Amino acid sequence: IMKKLFKHKFSWPFLDPVDPVELNIPDYFEVIKNPMDLQEDIPFLYLLLHSCLTSSPFSYVLLTFDNAMLYNPADNAIHQLAIKMRKFF
C-alpha cells in the first residue's frame, strides 16, 4: 500500500517535511501541531504496523493529508492534491 502511495503522481508534496522558511509560511507550526510527512515517518509507521501499538496505524498517513487540507485553503492546489491522495489511500 505504501509503495503505491509513494509512486502516485500526486504524492510529491507529501514526501518531505514542510519547510516553513523555504515556503515562506512562518505560521505553519502555529496551525499544524502534529506535522507529518510520508517519507520521514515511514520507519515509525512500519513499527506501528508490526507491533500493533494502535488499532489504526494508517491514521498517521491520513494526518499528512489532513494537515495539508487544514493549512491550505480549499481552492489551493496542495489542498486539492491532498483530497485526491486521501481518497486514493
N, C-alpha and C. Protein backbone atom coordinates (compact mmCIF):
# COMPACT_ATOMS: atom_id res chain seq x y z
N ILE A 1 0.83 -1.19 0.00
CA ILE A 1 0.00 0.00 0.00
C ILE A 1 0.87 1.25 0.00
N MET A 2 1.87 1.26 0.87
CA MET A 2 2.71 2.45 0.98
C MET A 2 3.51 2.68 -0.29
N LYS A 3 4.00 1.62 -0.91
CA LYS A 3 4.77 1.77 -2.14
C LYS A 3 3.92 2.41 -3.24
N LYS A 4 2.67 1.98 -3.34
CA LYS A 4 1.76 2.57 -4.33
C LYS A 4 1.50 4.04 -4.01
N LEU A 5 1.39 4.34 -2.75
CA LEU A 5 1.16 5.72 -2.33
C LEU A 5 2.35 6.60 -2.71
N PHE A 6 3.57 6.12 -2.47
CA PHE A 6 4.78 6.89 -2.81
C PHE A 6 4.89 7.14 -4.30
N LYS A 7 4.49 6.17 -5.10
CA LYS A 7 4.64 6.27 -6.55
C LYS A 7 3.51 7.04 -7.23
N HIS A 8 2.47 7.37 -6.48
CA HIS A 8 1.34 8.09 -7.08
C HIS A 8 1.80 9.43 -7.63
N LYS A 9 1.25 9.83 -8.75
CA LYS A 9 1.71 11.07 -9.40
C LYS A 9 1.43 12.32 -8.58
N PHE A 10 0.53 12.25 -7.60
CA PHE A 10 0.23 13.42 -6.78
C PHE A 10 0.87 13.36 -5.39
N SER A 11 1.76 12.41 -5.16
CA SER A 11 2.35 12.26 -3.82
C SER A 11 3.49 13.25 -3.54
N TRP A 12 4.04 13.86 -4.56
CA TRP A 12 5.25 14.68 -4.40
C TRP A 12 5.19 15.74 -3.30
N PRO A 13 4.07 16.42 -3.04
CA PRO A 13 4.13 17.44 -1.98
C PRO A 13 4.17 16.85 -0.56
N PHE A 14 3.92 15.56 -0.44
CA PHE A 14 3.76 14.94 0.87
C PHE A 14 4.92 14.04 1.27
N LEU A 15 5.93 13.98 0.44
CA LEU A 15 7.04 13.06 0.69
C LEU A 15 8.10 13.60 1.64
N ASP A 16 8.19 14.89 1.77
CA ASP A 16 9.21 15.51 2.64
C ASP A 16 8.54 16.43 3.65
N PRO A 17 9.23 16.68 4.75
CA PRO A 17 8.67 17.60 5.75
C PRO A 17 8.47 19.00 5.15
N VAL A 18 7.46 19.68 5.63
CA VAL A 18 7.22 21.06 5.22
C VAL A 18 8.33 21.93 5.79
N ASP A 19 8.91 22.77 4.96
CA ASP A 19 9.94 23.71 5.41
C ASP A 19 9.33 25.11 5.40
N PRO A 20 8.88 25.59 6.57
CA PRO A 20 8.22 26.90 6.63
C PRO A 20 9.09 28.06 6.17
N VAL A 21 10.40 27.96 6.33
CA VAL A 21 11.30 29.02 5.88
C VAL A 21 11.36 29.05 4.36
N GLU A 22 11.62 27.90 3.78
CA GLU A 22 11.72 27.81 2.32
C GLU A 22 10.41 28.21 1.64
N LEU A 23 9.29 27.83 2.24
CA LEU A 23 7.98 28.11 1.64
C LEU A 23 7.39 29.45 2.07
N ASN A 24 8.12 30.15 2.94
CA ASN A 24 7.67 31.45 3.44
C ASN A 24 6.28 31.38 4.08
N ILE A 25 6.13 30.40 4.98
CA ILE A 25 4.88 30.25 5.72
C ILE A 25 5.22 30.15 7.22
N PRO A 26 5.58 31.28 7.82
CA PRO A 26 6.08 31.26 9.20
C PRO A 26 5.06 30.79 10.24
N ASP A 27 3.78 30.81 9.92
CA ASP A 27 2.77 30.39 10.88
C ASP A 27 2.45 28.90 10.80
N TYR A 28 3.17 28.17 9.99
CA TYR A 28 2.84 26.75 9.76
C TYR A 28 2.73 25.96 11.07
N PHE A 29 3.72 26.09 11.93
CA PHE A 29 3.72 25.30 13.17
C PHE A 29 2.74 25.84 14.21
N GLU A 30 2.23 27.03 14.00
CA GLU A 30 1.16 27.53 14.86
C GLU A 30 -0.17 26.87 14.49
N VAL A 31 -0.34 26.59 13.20
CA VAL A 31 -1.58 25.98 12.71
C VAL A 31 -1.51 24.46 12.80
N ILE A 32 -0.39 23.89 12.40
CA ILE A 32 -0.21 22.44 12.37
C ILE A 32 0.57 21.99 13.59
N LYS A 33 -0.12 21.36 14.51
CA LYS A 33 0.50 20.96 15.78
C LYS A 33 1.20 19.60 15.70
N ASN A 34 0.78 18.75 14.77
CA ASN A 34 1.38 17.43 14.61
C ASN A 34 1.81 17.23 13.17
N PRO A 35 2.92 17.84 12.77
CA PRO A 35 3.37 17.71 11.38
C PRO A 35 3.65 16.24 11.03
N MET A 36 3.35 15.91 9.80
CA MET A 36 3.56 14.54 9.36
C MET A 36 3.83 14.57 7.87
N ASP A 37 4.78 13.75 7.44
CA ASP A 37 5.01 13.57 6.02
C ASP A 37 5.19 12.08 5.79
N LEU A 38 5.12 11.67 4.56
CA LEU A 38 5.15 10.24 4.26
C LEU A 38 6.54 9.64 4.37
N GLN A 39 7.53 10.29 3.82
CA GLN A 39 8.86 9.71 3.74
C GLN A 39 9.56 9.63 5.10
N GLU A 40 9.58 10.73 5.81
CA GLU A 40 10.33 10.78 7.07
C GLU A 40 9.78 9.83 8.12
N ASP A 41 8.50 9.61 8.12
CA ASP A 41 7.88 8.84 9.19
C ASP A 41 7.62 7.38 8.84
N ILE A 42 8.14 6.92 7.72
CA ILE A 42 7.90 5.54 7.34
C ILE A 42 8.42 4.53 8.36
N PRO A 43 9.64 4.67 8.89
CA PRO A 43 10.07 3.67 9.89
C PRO A 43 9.10 3.62 11.07
N PHE A 44 8.59 4.75 11.48
CA PHE A 44 7.63 4.79 12.58
C PHE A 44 6.34 4.08 12.19
N LEU A 45 5.87 4.29 10.96
CA LEU A 45 4.66 3.62 10.50
C LEU A 45 4.83 2.10 10.49
N TYR A 46 5.96 1.65 9.99
CA TYR A 46 6.19 0.21 9.97
C TYR A 46 6.27 -0.36 11.38
N LEU A 47 6.87 0.38 12.29
CA LEU A 47 6.92 -0.04 13.68
C LEU A 47 5.50 -0.20 14.22
N LEU A 48 4.66 0.77 13.94
CA LEU A 48 3.28 0.69 14.41
C LEU A 48 2.54 -0.50 13.80
N LEU A 49 2.75 -0.71 12.52
CA LEU A 49 2.07 -1.82 11.85
C LEU A 49 2.48 -3.17 12.43
N HIS A 50 3.76 -3.33 12.66
CA HIS A 50 4.26 -4.61 13.11
C HIS A 50 4.09 -4.85 14.60
N SER A 51 4.02 -3.82 15.37
CA SER A 51 3.91 -4.02 16.81
C SER A 51 2.48 -3.90 17.32
N CYS A 52 1.57 -3.50 16.42
CA CYS A 52 0.15 -3.38 16.80
C CYS A 52 -0.06 -2.45 17.98
N LEU A 53 0.69 -1.36 18.02
CA LEU A 53 0.56 -0.40 19.12
C LEU A 53 -0.72 0.43 19.01
N THR A 54 -1.30 0.44 17.84
CA THR A 54 -2.51 1.22 17.66
C THR A 54 -3.46 0.45 16.76
N SER A 55 -4.74 0.70 16.90
CA SER A 55 -5.72 0.00 16.07
C SER A 55 -5.76 0.56 14.66
N SER A 56 -5.21 1.76 14.47
CA SER A 56 -5.25 2.37 13.15
C SER A 56 -3.94 3.09 12.84
N PRO A 57 -2.90 2.33 12.54
CA PRO A 57 -1.61 2.97 12.25
C PRO A 57 -1.66 3.87 11.02
N PHE A 58 -2.59 3.59 10.12
CA PHE A 58 -2.68 4.41 8.92
C PHE A 58 -3.28 5.78 9.19
N SER A 59 -3.74 6.00 10.41
CA SER A 59 -4.22 7.34 10.76
C SER A 59 -3.09 8.36 10.65
N TYR A 60 -1.84 7.89 10.80
CA TYR A 60 -0.70 8.78 10.65
C TYR A 60 -0.52 9.21 9.20
N VAL A 61 -0.83 8.32 8.27
CA VAL A 61 -0.78 8.68 6.85
C VAL A 61 -1.88 9.70 6.56
N LEU A 62 -3.06 9.45 7.06
CA LEU A 62 -4.17 10.37 6.83
C LEU A 62 -3.88 11.74 7.42
N LEU A 63 -3.16 11.78 8.53
CA LEU A 63 -2.79 13.05 9.14
C LEU A 63 -1.98 13.92 8.18
N THR A 64 -1.15 13.30 7.37
CA THR A 64 -0.37 14.03 6.36
C THR A 64 -1.30 14.82 5.46
N PHE A 65 -2.33 14.16 4.96
CA PHE A 65 -3.26 14.81 4.04
C PHE A 65 -4.19 15.77 4.78
N ASP A 66 -4.61 15.40 5.98
CA ASP A 66 -5.48 16.28 6.77
C ASP A 66 -4.77 17.59 7.10
N ASN A 67 -3.48 17.51 7.43
CA ASN A 67 -2.71 18.72 7.71
C ASN A 67 -2.66 19.64 6.49
N ALA A 68 -2.45 19.05 5.33
CA ALA A 68 -2.40 19.84 4.10
C ALA A 68 -3.73 20.53 3.83
N MET A 69 -4.82 19.84 4.11
CA MET A 69 -6.14 20.43 3.91
C MET A 69 -6.45 21.49 4.96
N LEU A 70 -5.95 21.28 6.17
CA LEU A 70 -6.17 22.26 7.23
C LEU A 70 -5.41 23.55 6.95
N TYR A 71 -4.16 23.44 6.55
CA TYR A 71 -3.34 24.63 6.37
C TYR A 71 -3.68 25.39 5.10
N ASN A 72 -3.94 24.68 4.02
CA ASN A 72 -4.16 25.32 2.72
C ASN A 72 -5.65 25.51 2.46
N PRO A 73 -6.05 26.67 1.92
CA PRO A 73 -7.46 26.89 1.61
C PRO A 73 -7.96 25.90 0.56
N ALA A 74 -9.26 25.70 0.52
CA ALA A 74 -9.88 24.70 -0.35
C ALA A 74 -9.56 24.89 -1.83
N ASP A 75 -9.32 26.12 -2.25
CA ASP A 75 -9.04 26.36 -3.67
C ASP A 75 -7.54 26.24 -3.99
N ASN A 76 -6.72 25.91 -3.02
CA ASN A 76 -5.28 25.76 -3.20
C ASN A 76 -4.96 24.40 -3.83
N ALA A 77 -3.96 24.36 -4.71
CA ALA A 77 -3.59 23.13 -5.41
C ALA A 77 -3.16 22.02 -4.45
N ILE A 78 -2.43 22.37 -3.40
CA ILE A 78 -1.97 21.35 -2.44
C ILE A 78 -3.16 20.76 -1.69
N HIS A 79 -4.11 21.60 -1.33
CA HIS A 79 -5.34 21.12 -0.69
C HIS A 79 -6.04 20.12 -1.60
N GLN A 80 -6.15 20.44 -2.86
CA GLN A 80 -6.81 19.57 -3.83
C GLN A 80 -6.06 18.26 -4.01
N LEU A 81 -4.73 18.32 -4.04
CA LEU A 81 -3.93 17.09 -4.15
C LEU A 81 -4.11 16.23 -2.90
N ALA A 82 -4.21 16.86 -1.75
CA ALA A 82 -4.40 16.12 -0.50
C ALA A 82 -5.74 15.37 -0.52
N ILE A 83 -6.75 16.00 -1.04
CA ILE A 83 -8.06 15.32 -1.16
C ILE A 83 -7.93 14.10 -2.05
N LYS A 84 -7.27 14.27 -3.19
CA LYS A 84 -7.11 13.15 -4.13
C LYS A 84 -6.29 12.02 -3.51
N MET A 85 -5.22 12.38 -2.82
CA MET A 85 -4.37 11.35 -2.22
C MET A 85 -5.09 10.64 -1.08
N ARG A 86 -5.87 11.37 -0.32
CA ARG A 86 -6.63 10.75 0.78
C ARG A 86 -7.62 9.73 0.23
N LYS A 87 -8.30 10.10 -0.84
CA LYS A 87 -9.26 9.18 -1.49
C LYS A 87 -8.52 7.97 -2.06
N PHE A 88 -7.37 8.21 -2.69
CA PHE A 88 -6.58 7.11 -3.24
C PHE A 88 -6.15 6.15 -2.13
N PHE A 89 -5.72 6.71 -1.02
CA PHE A 89 -5.25 5.90 0.10
C PHE A 89 -6.38 5.06 0.66
